[in-house]
Each structure stands twice: as C-alpha cells, then as structure tokens.
Amino acid sequence: MLRLKKYNLKSKAFTLFSLLFVLLFLSCDKVVELDLESGDPKIVIDAEIIWEKGTSGNQQSIKITRMAPYYSPTTPKVSGAQVRVENSKGDVFTFNESEPGLYVCTNFVPVIDMEYKLFVNVDGQTLTATEKLIAVPPVEKIDQEFMADVTGEDLIVVTFYYKDPANQANYYLTDYKSDILPFPEYTSTSDEFVNGNEINEKFTDTDLKPGKVLDITHRGVSKNFYNYMNLILEVTNSNPFAATPGNIRGNIINTTNANNFALGYFRVCEANKINYVVK
C-alpha cells in the first residue's frame, strides 16, 4: 500500500514536470519571417476572352498586374498600358482602362475557330500572344445524387453531362465557385479515351448542402492551354491562386526583350455557365 502511494506521487510529479516543460517550450514559439530575395517584378497578364453561350460576348476584360514580394498583402495594378486584340481578318478591338489594372472592351466580336492576337504595350515593351477561339458543346443536363461517405454523412454529388464532338481532339477546363469554397476549384478534361461519347463532370464537397449555390463555368480550351493549366494545378494542388513557380511559362512573348517575359496566358474560349442551386 505504501509502495503504491509512492508510485502515484512520482507519477504526478513527473506529469506536472512534463506539463510545465511543454508550456515553457510553447511559450518560446514565435513567427519567423524568412528574408527572401525579391526577383524582378514581372508583368502578369490575366487575359481570358470568354464567350458565354447565349450572349453576344461583346464585353470582355483583361487584367494587368505586377509580381509582388511574397509577404506583400497587395498586388500592384499596372496602369497606363495600351491593350488591343486583333483577329485574323484584321479587325481591331481596343481595351480601355476602366480602373487601375483593368482594361475593358465593349465591342468585341467572338467567332468560333477565329484566330486572335493580343498586343500589350507597357513599360516601353511590346507583349504579344496568339490563340484560337475554341468551341464547347452545350450542357445537356445536370443532376445530383448522394454518395456514401464512411467518415460521416452522405455527400451530395452534382454532375453535368455533355456530348463530346467526334473525330477531333477536345480539351475542357471547368471551374466551380461557391461560398463554401475559399477559392474556385478547377478541373481539366481531355477526350483522349472518350472521343465522341457523352462526358460527365462531377463536383462534391463536405459542405455542399441543400440551398447552396454552385456557379459552374465549363470551357472549351486549346491543347496548349490545357497542358499549361495541368502544370499549374499540379504544383498548386488545384488552387491556381496559390504561389506559382515562375518557371511555368505561358504563351505571352516579349517581342522587345525576349528575356523579360511576362507571366500569364492569353486564351479565347466559348463557355457554358450554370448557376445551380443544390436541392
């Protein structure tokens, strides 16, 4: 009996000492910011011409920013650039600055399979990129179902369907936006093994509940942009807004100084846009 009491006393003392040690260790923690080197503040061009089915597609916008240091809370907007897009017929569409870093065109004319060329003059340099407007098949239906989840409640799965055109290679990019997501979630799809068949795209999330709204944008994209986005999504874990390695180059070329390239990708897409309320 005495031995048992002695053992308990030692155990309590050891436990108390361990707790004090852990608290002392935790109290020494502090946030350490690394002194990172800042590279050249390269121009970043977010140029997506997106033609939503059922609309004229006349209003388009292009954003131009500059890379900022890693710990910077803001992204510098680039003002004073000259921005235009020309199609293969020679028609010119001018993008005028409506607010710092945002350039808007109100008379754009989208044509499937037409080739478009972007011109950006900024900082005394000319940046260009060329892309073709890629079509997208219409969404034929959208539905939802429950999927068993061994870790908790059954998950709601939202699925939309479309018929892939036969006898041609097609590539697609879809993004999902909702107040349950901190940033849009992207998926890329190729018809390599399902050419000419019905394709379905699925989305689920543990927070996807009845009444939640899911905004879906489904695009037809070029093979080059599909490959580019696959690299982006691979290194950022499906978050294209995370810090991206600077060695992933887009299709924007600096014709004044090739070594001073810009980041970003000029793409021209037709898209289905779906606003789905979960049941």
C-alpha atoms as a PDB file:
ATOM      1  CA  MET A   1       0.000   0.000   0.000  1.00  0.00           C
ATOM      2  CA  LEU A   2       2.794   2.427   0.871  1.00  0.00           C
ATOM      3  CA  ARG A   3       4.621   1.468  -2.287  1.00  0.00           C
ATOM      4  CA  LEU A   4       1.516   2.224  -4.335  1.00  0.00           C
ATOM      5  CA  LYS A   5       1.204   5.718  -2.821  1.00  0.00           C
ATOM      6  CA  LYS A   6       4.869   6.405  -3.503  1.00  0.00           C
ATOM      7  CA  TYR A   7       4.437   5.362  -7.146  1.00  0.00           C
ATOM      8  CA  ASN A   8       1.418   7.660  -7.594  1.00  0.00           C
ATOM      9  CA  LEU A   9       3.300  10.614  -6.115  1.00  0.00           C
ATOM     10  CA  LYS A  10       6.183  10.126  -8.515  1.00  0.00           C
ATOM     11  CA  SER A  11       3.779   9.776 -11.447  1.00  0.00           C
ATOM     12  CA  LYS A  12       2.011  13.018 -10.549  1.00  0.00           C
ATOM     13  CA  ALA A  13       5.314  14.828 -10.150  1.00  0.00           C
ATOM     14  CA  PHE A  14       6.525  13.558 -13.496  1.00  0.00           C
ATOM     15  CA  THR A  15       3.269  14.571 -15.183  1.00  0.00           C
ATOM     16  CA  LEU A  16       3.417  18.073 -13.676  1.00  0.00           C
ATOM     17  CA  PHE A  17       7.051  18.494 -14.736  1.00  0.00           C
ATOM     18  CA  SER A  18       6.223  17.348 -18.268  1.00  0.00           C
ATOM     19  CA  LEU A  19       3.336  19.799 -18.489  1.00  0.00           C
ATOM     20  CA  LEU A  20       5.489  22.703 -17.318  1.00  0.00           C
ATOM     21  CA  PHE A  21       8.174  21.733 -19.851  1.00  0.00           C
ATOM     22  CA  VAL A  22       5.656  21.696 -22.701  1.00  0.00           C
ATOM     23  CA  LEU A  23       4.226  25.071 -21.664  1.00  0.00           C
ATOM     24  CA  LEU A  24       7.714  26.534 -21.447  1.00  0.00           C
ATOM     25  CA  PHE A  25       8.539  25.160 -24.887  1.00  0.00           C
ATOM     26  CA  LEU A  26       5.347  26.547 -26.412  1.00  0.00           C
ATOM     27  CA  SER A  27       5.940  29.949 -24.851  1.00  0.00           C
ATOM     28  CA  CYS A  28       9.194  30.161 -26.791  1.00  0.00           C
ATOM     29  CA  ASP A  29       7.457  29.800 -30.172  1.00  0.00           C
ATOM     30  CA  LYS A  30       7.402  32.858 -32.404  1.00  0.00           C
ATOM     31  CA  VAL A  31       6.613  33.625 -36.015  1.00  0.00           C
ATOM     32  CA  VAL A  32       9.737  33.786 -38.134  1.00  0.00           C
ATOM     33  CA  GLU A  33       9.645  35.534 -41.481  1.00  0.00           C
ATOM     34  CA  LEU A  34      12.422  34.498 -43.814  1.00  0.00           C
ATOM     35  CA  ASP A  35      14.391  37.199 -45.565  1.00  0.00           C
ATOM     36  CA  LEU A  36      13.500  36.089 -49.085  1.00  0.00           C
ATOM     37  CA  GLU A  37      15.133  37.522 -52.163  1.00  0.00           C
ATOM     38  CA  SER A  38      12.801  39.503 -54.414  1.00  0.00           C
ATOM     39  CA  GLY A  39      13.019  38.768 -58.123  1.00  0.00           C
ATOM     40  CA  ASP A  40      12.182  41.095 -60.956  1.00  0.00           C
ATOM     41  CA  PRO A  41       8.615  42.458 -60.607  1.00  0.00           C
ATOM     42  CA  LYS A  42       7.433  40.809 -63.816  1.00  0.00           C
ATOM     43  CA  ILE A  43       4.244  41.814 -65.574  1.00  0.00           C
ATOM     44  CA  VAL A  44       1.341  39.383 -65.079  1.00  0.00           C
ATOM     45  CA  ILE A  45      -1.402  39.356 -67.736  1.00  0.00           C
ATOM     46  CA  ASP A  46      -4.722  37.667 -66.965  1.00  0.00           C
ATOM     47  CA  ALA A  47      -6.295  37.689 -70.425  1.00  0.00           C
ATOM     48  CA  GLU A  48      -9.275  35.379 -70.788  1.00  0.00           C
ATOM     49  CA  ILE A  49     -11.671  36.172 -73.602  1.00  0.00           C
ATOM     50  CA  ILE A  50     -14.669  34.052 -72.639  1.00  0.00           C
ATOM     51  CA  TRP A  51     -17.817  33.872 -74.748  1.00  0.00           C
ATOM     52  CA  GLU A  52     -20.752  32.567 -72.725  1.00  0.00           C
ATOM     53  CA  LYS A  53     -23.259  30.646 -74.820  1.00  0.00           C
ATOM     54  CA  GLY A  54     -26.416  32.645 -75.424  1.00  0.00           C
ATOM     55  CA  THR A  55     -24.712  36.042 -75.097  1.00  0.00           C
ATOM     56  CA  SER A  56     -23.152  38.432 -77.603  1.00  0.00           C
ATOM     57  CA  GLY A  57     -19.745  38.215 -75.957  1.00  0.00           C
ATOM     58  CA  ASN A  58     -19.171  41.889 -76.753  1.00  0.00           C
ATOM     59  CA  GLN A  59     -17.883  42.879 -73.296  1.00  0.00           C
ATOM     60  CA  GLN A  60     -14.504  41.425 -72.353  1.00  0.00           C
ATOM     61  CA  SER A  61     -11.812  42.420 -69.876  1.00  0.00           C
ATOM     62  CA  ILE A  62      -8.088  41.910 -69.332  1.00  0.00           C
ATOM     63  CA  LYS A  63      -6.247  42.411 -66.033  1.00  0.00           C
ATOM     64  CA  ILE A  64      -2.619  43.508 -65.831  1.00  0.00           C
ATOM     65  CA  THR A  65      -0.695  43.385 -62.569  1.00  0.00           C
ATOM     66  CA  ARG A  66       2.891  43.118 -61.402  1.00  0.00           C
ATOM     67  CA  MET A  67       4.516  40.453 -59.245  1.00  0.00           C
ATOM     68  CA  ALA A  68       4.877  41.470 -55.606  1.00  0.00           C
ATOM     69  CA  PRO A  69       7.170  40.246 -52.800  1.00  0.00           C
ATOM     70  CA  TYR A  70       5.999  37.035 -51.107  1.00  0.00           C
ATOM     71  CA  TYR A  71       4.809  38.743 -47.916  1.00  0.00           C
ATOM     72  CA  SER A  72       3.123  41.659 -49.673  1.00  0.00           C
ATOM     73  CA  PRO A  73      -0.598  41.908 -48.768  1.00  0.00           C
ATOM     74  CA  THR A  74      -1.480  43.566 -52.095  1.00  0.00           C
ATOM     75  CA  THR A  75      -0.851  43.020 -55.793  1.00  0.00           C
ATOM     76  CA  PRO A  76       0.340  46.101 -57.712  1.00  0.00           C
ATOM     77  CA  LYS A  77      -2.019  47.078 -60.536  1.00  0.00           C
ATOM     78  CA  VAL A  78      -0.467  48.227 -63.812  1.00  0.00           C
ATOM     79  CA  SER A  79      -1.934  51.416 -65.258  1.00  0.00           C
ATOM     80  CA  GLY A  80      -1.200  53.215 -68.496  1.00  0.00           C
ATOM     81  CA  ALA A  81      -0.826  50.136 -70.716  1.00  0.00           C
ATOM     82  CA  GLN A  82      -2.082  50.080 -74.290  1.00  0.00           C
ATOM     83  CA  VAL A  83      -4.087  46.918 -74.908  1.00  0.00           C
ATOM     84  CA  ARG A  84      -5.734  45.635 -78.061  1.00  0.00           C
ATOM     85  CA  VAL A  85      -6.759  42.358 -79.700  1.00  0.00           C
ATOM     86  CA  GLU A  86      -6.793  41.764 -83.460  1.00  0.00           C
ATOM     87  CA  ASN A  87      -8.497  38.907 -85.293  1.00  0.00           C
ATOM     88  CA  SER A  88      -7.198  37.169 -88.411  1.00  0.00           C
ATOM     89  CA  LYS A  89      -9.445  39.387 -90.592  1.00  0.00           C
ATOM     90  CA  GLY A  90      -7.669  42.495 -89.355  1.00  0.00           C
ATOM     91  CA  ASP A  91     -10.444  43.780 -87.070  1.00  0.00           C
ATOM     92  CA  VAL A  92      -9.064  45.640 -84.044  1.00  0.00           C
ATOM     93  CA  PHE A  93     -10.672  45.615 -80.578  1.00  0.00           C
ATOM     94  CA  THR A  94      -9.312  48.203 -78.158  1.00  0.00           C
ATOM     95  CA  PHE A  95      -9.324  47.591 -74.395  1.00  0.00           C
ATOM     96  CA  ASN A  96      -9.530  50.844 -72.424  1.00  0.00           C
ATOM     97  CA  GLU A  97      -8.527  51.159 -68.769  1.00  0.00           C
ATOM     98  CA  SER A  98     -11.684  51.436 -66.644  1.00  0.00           C
ATOM     99  CA  GLU A  99      -9.870  51.251 -63.281  1.00  0.00           C
ATOM    100  CA  PRO A 100      -6.255  50.639 -62.270  1.00  0.00           C
ATOM    101  CA  GLY A 101      -5.075  47.434 -63.934  1.00  0.00           C
ATOM    102  CA  LEU A 102      -8.442  46.584 -65.552  1.00  0.00           C
ATOM    103  CA  TYR A 103      -8.848  47.026 -69.321  1.00  0.00           C
ATOM    104  CA  VAL A 104     -12.298  46.644 -70.902  1.00  0.00           C
ATOM    105  CA  CYS A 105     -13.616  46.246 -74.448  1.00  0.00           C
ATOM    106  CA  THR A 106     -17.351  46.674 -75.186  1.00  0.00           C
ATOM    107  CA  ASN A 107     -17.460  45.824 -78.910  1.00  0.00           C
ATOM    108  CA  PHE A 108     -15.598  42.530 -79.127  1.00  0.00           C
ATOM    109  CA  VAL A 109     -16.837  40.082 -81.785  1.00  0.00           C
ATOM    110  CA  PRO A 110     -16.276  36.397 -80.935  1.00  0.00           C
ATOM    111  CA  VAL A 111     -16.166  33.899 -83.806  1.00  0.00           C
ATOM    112  CA  ILE A 112     -15.584  30.159 -83.337  1.00  0.00           C
ATOM    113  CA  ASP A 113     -12.224  28.974 -84.775  1.00  0.00           C
ATOM    114  CA  MET A 114     -11.166  32.564 -85.453  1.00  0.00           C
ATOM    115  CA  GLU A 115      -7.562  33.371 -84.538  1.00  0.00           C
ATOM    116  CA  TYR A 116      -6.963  36.338 -82.231  1.00  0.00           C
ATOM    117  CA  LYS A 117      -3.736  38.122 -81.342  1.00  0.00           C
ATOM    118  CA  LEU A 118      -3.155  40.101 -78.148  1.00  0.00           C
ATOM    119  CA  PHE A 119      -0.947  43.208 -78.089  1.00  0.00           C
ATOM    120  CA  VAL A 120       0.084  44.874 -74.818  1.00  0.00           C
ATOM    121  CA  ASN A 121       2.423  47.876 -74.771  1.00  0.00           C
ATOM    122  CA  VAL A 122       3.710  48.568 -71.258  1.00  0.00           C
ATOM    123  CA  ASP A 123       6.959  49.870 -69.755  1.00  0.00           C
ATOM    124  CA  GLY A 124       8.235  50.624 -73.265  1.00  0.00           C
ATOM    125  CA  GLN A 125       7.911  46.986 -74.323  1.00  0.00           C
ATOM    126  CA  THR A 126       5.530  45.049 -76.544  1.00  0.00           C
ATOM    127  CA  LEU A 127       3.984  41.793 -75.395  1.00  0.00           C
ATOM    128  CA  THR A 128       2.032  39.540 -77.757  1.00  0.00           C
ATOM    129  CA  ALA A 129       0.203  36.200 -77.759  1.00  0.00           C
ATOM    130  CA  THR A 130      -1.959  34.325 -80.269  1.00  0.00           C
ATOM    131  CA  GLU A 131      -4.837  31.912 -79.646  1.00  0.00           C
ATOM    132  CA  LYS A 132      -7.858  30.473 -81.473  1.00  0.00           C
ATOM    133  CA  LEU A 133     -11.403  30.703 -80.110  1.00  0.00           C
ATOM    134  CA  ILE A 134     -12.320  27.149 -79.071  1.00  0.00           C
ATOM    135  CA  ALA A 135     -15.926  25.920 -79.068  1.00  0.00           C
ATOM    136  CA  VAL A 136     -17.589  23.962 -76.270  1.00  0.00           C
ATOM    137  CA  PRO A 137     -20.541  21.547 -76.653  1.00  0.00           C
ATOM    138  CA  PRO A 138     -23.723  22.504 -74.805  1.00  0.00           C
ATOM    139  CA  VAL A 139     -24.509  21.024 -71.417  1.00  0.00           C
ATOM    140  CA  GLU A 140     -27.371  18.584 -71.945  1.00  0.00           C
ATOM    141  CA  LYS A 141     -28.411  18.009 -68.332  1.00  0.00           C
ATOM    142  CA  ILE A 142     -27.355  18.461 -64.729  1.00  0.00           C
ATOM    143  CA  ASP A 143     -28.399  16.426 -61.711  1.00  0.00           C
ATOM    144  CA  GLN A 144     -27.333  15.417 -58.218  1.00  0.00           C
ATOM    145  CA  GLU A 145     -27.103  12.232 -56.185  1.00  0.00           C
ATOM    146  CA  PHE A 146     -25.879  11.031 -52.813  1.00  0.00           C
ATOM    147  CA  MET A 147     -22.578   9.222 -52.400  1.00  0.00           C
ATOM    148  CA  ALA A 148     -21.845   7.171 -49.288  1.00  0.00           C
ATOM    149  CA  ASP A 149     -19.073   8.556 -47.065  1.00  0.00           C
ATOM    150  CA  VAL A 150     -17.719   6.248 -44.390  1.00  0.00           C
ATOM    151  CA  THR A 151     -16.396   9.205 -42.373  1.00  0.00           C
ATOM    152  CA  GLY A 152     -19.721  10.971 -41.936  1.00  0.00           C
ATOM    153  CA  GLU A 153     -22.919  11.997 -43.696  1.00  0.00           C
ATOM    154  CA  ASP A 154     -23.502  11.021 -47.303  1.00  0.00           C
ATOM    155  CA  LEU A 155     -22.024  13.514 -49.765  1.00  0.00           C
ATOM    156  CA  ILE A 156     -24.042  15.386 -52.387  1.00  0.00           C
ATOM    157  CA  VAL A 157     -22.532  14.979 -55.858  1.00  0.00           C
ATOM    158  CA  VAL A 158     -23.513  17.433 -58.635  1.00  0.00           C
ATOM    159  CA  THR A 159     -22.964  16.108 -62.164  1.00  0.00           C
ATOM    160  CA  PHE A 160     -23.390  17.743 -65.576  1.00  0.00           C
ATOM    161  CA  TYR A 161     -23.328  15.972 -68.951  1.00  0.00           C
ATOM    162  CA  TYR A 162     -22.328  16.944 -72.496  1.00  0.00           C
ATOM    163  CA  LYS A 163     -21.707  15.164 -75.813  1.00  0.00           C
ATOM    164  CA  ASP A 164     -18.107  15.347 -76.994  1.00  0.00           C
ATOM    165  CA  PRO A 165     -17.728  16.037 -80.759  1.00  0.00           C
ATOM    166  CA  ALA A 166     -16.426  13.012 -82.651  1.00  0.00           C
ATOM    167  CA  ASN A 167     -13.299  12.726 -84.816  1.00  0.00           C
ATOM    168  CA  GLN A 168     -11.414  15.598 -83.205  1.00  0.00           C
ATOM    169  CA  ALA A 169      -9.326  16.148 -80.092  1.00  0.00           C
ATOM    170  CA  ASN A 170     -11.074  18.272 -77.491  1.00  0.00           C
ATOM    171  CA  TYR A 171      -9.938  19.750 -74.206  1.00  0.00           C
ATOM    172  CA  TYR A 172     -12.008  21.314 -71.446  1.00  0.00           C
ATOM    173  CA  LEU A 173     -11.471  23.378 -68.302  1.00  0.00           C
ATOM    174  CA  THR A 174     -14.152  23.746 -65.624  1.00  0.00           C
ATOM    175  CA  ASP A 175     -14.219  25.937 -62.549  1.00  0.00           C
ATOM    176  CA  TYR A 176     -16.611  25.773 -59.612  1.00  0.00           C
ATOM    177  CA  LYS A 177     -17.365  28.789 -57.395  1.00  0.00           C
ATOM    178  CA  SER A 178     -19.402  28.830 -54.176  1.00  0.00           C
ATOM    179  CA  ASP A 179     -19.413  30.483 -50.765  1.00  0.00           C
ATOM    180  CA  ILE A 180     -18.313  27.106 -49.347  1.00  0.00           C
ATOM    181  CA  LEU A 181     -15.022  27.349 -51.276  1.00  0.00           C
ATOM    182  CA  PRO A 182     -12.191  29.737 -50.317  1.00  0.00           C
ATOM    183  CA  PHE A 183     -11.189  29.920 -53.980  1.00  0.00           C
ATOM    184  CA  PRO A 184     -12.538  28.498 -57.273  1.00  0.00           C
ATOM    185  CA  GLU A 185     -11.857  24.799 -57.789  1.00  0.00           C
ATOM    186  CA  TYR A 186     -10.618  23.808 -61.257  1.00  0.00           C
ATOM    187  CA  THR A 187     -10.673  20.529 -63.176  1.00  0.00           C
ATOM    188  CA  SER A 188      -9.298  19.790 -66.653  1.00  0.00           C
ATOM    189  CA  THR A 189     -10.624  17.139 -69.025  1.00  0.00           C
ATOM    190  CA  SER A 190      -9.436  15.550 -72.284  1.00  0.00           C
ATOM    191  CA  ASP A 191     -11.489  13.357 -74.620  1.00  0.00           C
ATOM    192  CA  GLU A 192      -8.472  11.139 -75.353  1.00  0.00           C
ATOM    193  CA  PHE A 193     -10.282   7.941 -74.278  1.00  0.00           C
ATOM    194  CA  VAL A 194     -13.902   9.065 -74.712  1.00  0.00           C
ATOM    195  CA  ASN A 195     -13.853  10.795 -78.100  1.00  0.00           C
ATOM    196  CA  GLY A 196     -17.357  11.269 -79.468  1.00  0.00           C
ATOM    197  CA  ASN A 197     -19.076   9.956 -76.339  1.00  0.00           C
ATOM    198  CA  GLU A 198     -21.075  11.544 -73.543  1.00  0.00           C
ATOM    199  CA  ILE A 199     -18.815  13.007 -70.854  1.00  0.00           C
ATOM    200  CA  ASN A 200     -19.841  13.841 -67.321  1.00  0.00           C
ATOM    201  CA  GLU A 201     -18.130  16.144 -64.843  1.00  0.00           C
ATOM    202  CA  LYS A 202     -18.684  15.725 -61.096  1.00  0.00           C
ATOM    203  CA  PHE A 203     -18.284  18.022 -58.104  1.00  0.00           C
ATOM    204  CA  THR A 204     -18.678  17.313 -54.403  1.00  0.00           C
ATOM    205  CA  ASP A 205     -17.637  18.854 -51.114  1.00  0.00           C
ATOM    206  CA  THR A 206     -18.369  18.016 -47.489  1.00  0.00           C
ATOM    207  CA  ASP A 207     -20.007  21.456 -47.105  1.00  0.00           C
ATOM    208  CA  LEU A 208     -22.211  21.109 -50.186  1.00  0.00           C
ATOM    209  CA  LYS A 209     -25.712  21.190 -48.663  1.00  0.00           C
ATOM    210  CA  PRO A 210     -29.251  21.866 -49.917  1.00  0.00           C
ATOM    211  CA  GLY A 211     -29.752  25.559 -50.692  1.00  0.00           C
ATOM    212  CA  LYS A 212     -26.089  26.188 -51.517  1.00  0.00           C
ATOM    213  CA  VAL A 213     -25.418  27.797 -54.906  1.00  0.00           C
ATOM    214  CA  LEU A 214     -22.783  26.388 -57.249  1.00  0.00           C
ATOM    215  CA  ASP A 215     -21.562  28.548 -60.139  1.00  0.00           C
ATOM    216  CA  ILE A 216     -20.054  26.382 -62.884  1.00  0.00           C
ATOM    217  CA  THR A 217     -18.061  27.622 -65.876  1.00  0.00           C
ATOM    218  CA  HIS A 218     -17.217  24.936 -68.437  1.00  0.00           C
ATOM    219  CA  ARG A 219     -14.898  25.968 -71.291  1.00  0.00           C
ATOM    220  CA  GLY A 220     -13.524  24.558 -74.481  1.00  0.00           C
ATOM    221  CA  VAL A 221      -9.768  25.241 -74.487  1.00  0.00           C
ATOM    222  CA  SER A 222      -6.744  24.655 -76.711  1.00  0.00           C
ATOM    223  CA  LYS A 223      -4.379  21.750 -76.128  1.00  0.00           C
ATOM    224  CA  ASN A 224      -1.571  24.143 -75.175  1.00  0.00           C
ATOM    225  CA  PHE A 225      -3.678  25.914 -72.553  1.00  0.00           C
ATOM    226  CA  TYR A 226      -4.894  22.532 -71.245  1.00  0.00           C
ATOM    227  CA  ASN A 227      -1.270  21.449 -70.745  1.00  0.00           C
ATOM    228  CA  TYR A 228      -0.397  24.782 -69.127  1.00  0.00           C
ATOM    229  CA  MET A 229      -3.277  24.548 -66.655  1.00  0.00           C
ATOM    230  CA  ASN A 230      -2.416  20.943 -65.806  1.00  0.00           C
ATOM    231  CA  LEU A 231       1.053  22.112 -64.752  1.00  0.00           C
ATOM    232  CA  ILE A 232      -0.425  24.963 -62.703  1.00  0.00           C
ATOM    233  CA  LEU A 233      -2.946  22.698 -60.953  1.00  0.00           C
ATOM    234  CA  GLU A 234      -0.347  20.012 -60.314  1.00  0.00           C
ATOM    235  CA  VAL A 235       2.067  22.283 -58.471  1.00  0.00           C
ATOM    236  CA  THR A 236      -0.611  24.260 -56.599  1.00  0.00           C
ATOM    237  CA  ASN A 237      -2.830  21.343 -55.504  1.00  0.00           C
ATOM    238  CA  SER A 238      -5.789  22.534 -57.623  1.00  0.00           C
ATOM    239  CA  ASN A 239      -5.525  26.092 -56.266  1.00  0.00           C
ATOM    240  CA  PRO A 240      -4.490  28.332 -59.200  1.00  0.00           C
ATOM    241  CA  PHE A 241      -4.346  31.301 -56.798  1.00  0.00           C
ATOM    242  CA  ALA A 242      -1.514  29.817 -54.727  1.00  0.00           C
ATOM    243  CA  ALA A 243       2.100  30.859 -55.219  1.00  0.00           C
ATOM    244  CA  THR A 244       3.116  29.511 -58.617  1.00  0.00           C
ATOM    245  CA  PRO A 245       6.681  28.666 -59.643  1.00  0.00           C
ATOM    246  CA  GLY A 246       7.981  31.309 -62.044  1.00  0.00           C
ATOM    247  CA  ASN A 247       9.330  28.737 -64.494  1.00  0.00           C
ATOM    248  CA  ILE A 248       5.836  27.810 -65.768  1.00  0.00           C
ATOM    249  CA  ARG A 249       5.679  29.958 -68.877  1.00  0.00           C
ATOM    250  CA  GLY A 250       2.518  30.923 -70.709  1.00  0.00           C
ATOM    251  CA  ASN A 251       2.118  31.930 -74.356  1.00  0.00           C
ATOM    252  CA  ILE A 252       2.860  35.648 -73.895  1.00  0.00           C
ATOM    253  CA  ILE A 253       6.027  36.738 -75.710  1.00  0.00           C
ATOM    254  CA  ASN A 254       8.028  39.924 -75.189  1.00  0.00           C
ATOM    255  CA  THR A 255       8.986  40.973 -78.721  1.00  0.00           C
ATOM    256  CA  THR A 256      11.119  43.854 -77.419  1.00  0.00           C
ATOM    257  CA  ASN A 257      13.226  41.800 -74.977  1.00  0.00           C
ATOM    258  CA  ALA A 258      12.638  38.043 -75.015  1.00  0.00           C
ATOM    259  CA  ASN A 259      14.395  37.593 -71.674  1.00  0.00           C
ATOM    260  CA  ASN A 260      11.959  39.913 -69.912  1.00  0.00           C
ATOM    261  CA  PHE A 261       8.944  37.640 -70.395  1.00  0.00           C
ATOM    262  CA  ALA A 262       5.534  38.205 -68.834  1.00  0.00           C
ATOM    263  CA  LEU A 263       3.573  35.669 -66.809  1.00  0.00           C
ATOM    264  CA  GLY A 264       0.044  34.565 -67.656  1.00  0.00           C
ATOM    265  CA  TYR A 265      -1.776  33.066 -70.622  1.00  0.00           C
ATOM    266  CA  PHE A 266      -3.915  34.597 -73.348  1.00  0.00           C
ATOM    267  CA  ARG A 267      -6.847  32.257 -74.048  1.00  0.00           C
ATOM    268  CA  VAL A 268     -10.046  32.590 -76.075  1.00  0.00           C
ATOM    269  CA  CYS A 269     -12.884  30.246 -75.105  1.00  0.00           C
ATOM    270  CA  GLU A 270     -16.554  29.552 -75.570  1.00  0.00           C
ATOM    271  CA  ALA A 271     -18.172  28.522 -72.294  1.00  0.00           C
ATOM    272  CA  ASN A 272     -21.263  27.115 -70.640  1.00  0.00           C
ATOM    273  CA  LYS A 273     -22.185  28.938 -67.429  1.00  0.00           C
ATOM    274  CA  ILE A 274     -24.501  27.208 -64.970  1.00  0.00           C
ATOM    275  CA  ASN A 275     -25.956  28.597 -61.764  1.00  0.00           C
ATOM    276  CA  TYR A 276     -27.092  25.519 -59.831  1.00  0.00           C
ATOM    277  CA  VAL A 277     -28.987  25.541 -56.522  1.00  0.00           C
ATOM    278  CA  VAL A 278     -28.407  22.331 -54.580  1.00  0.00           C
ATOM    279  CA  LYS A 279     -31.624  20.507 -53.703  1.00  0.00           C
END
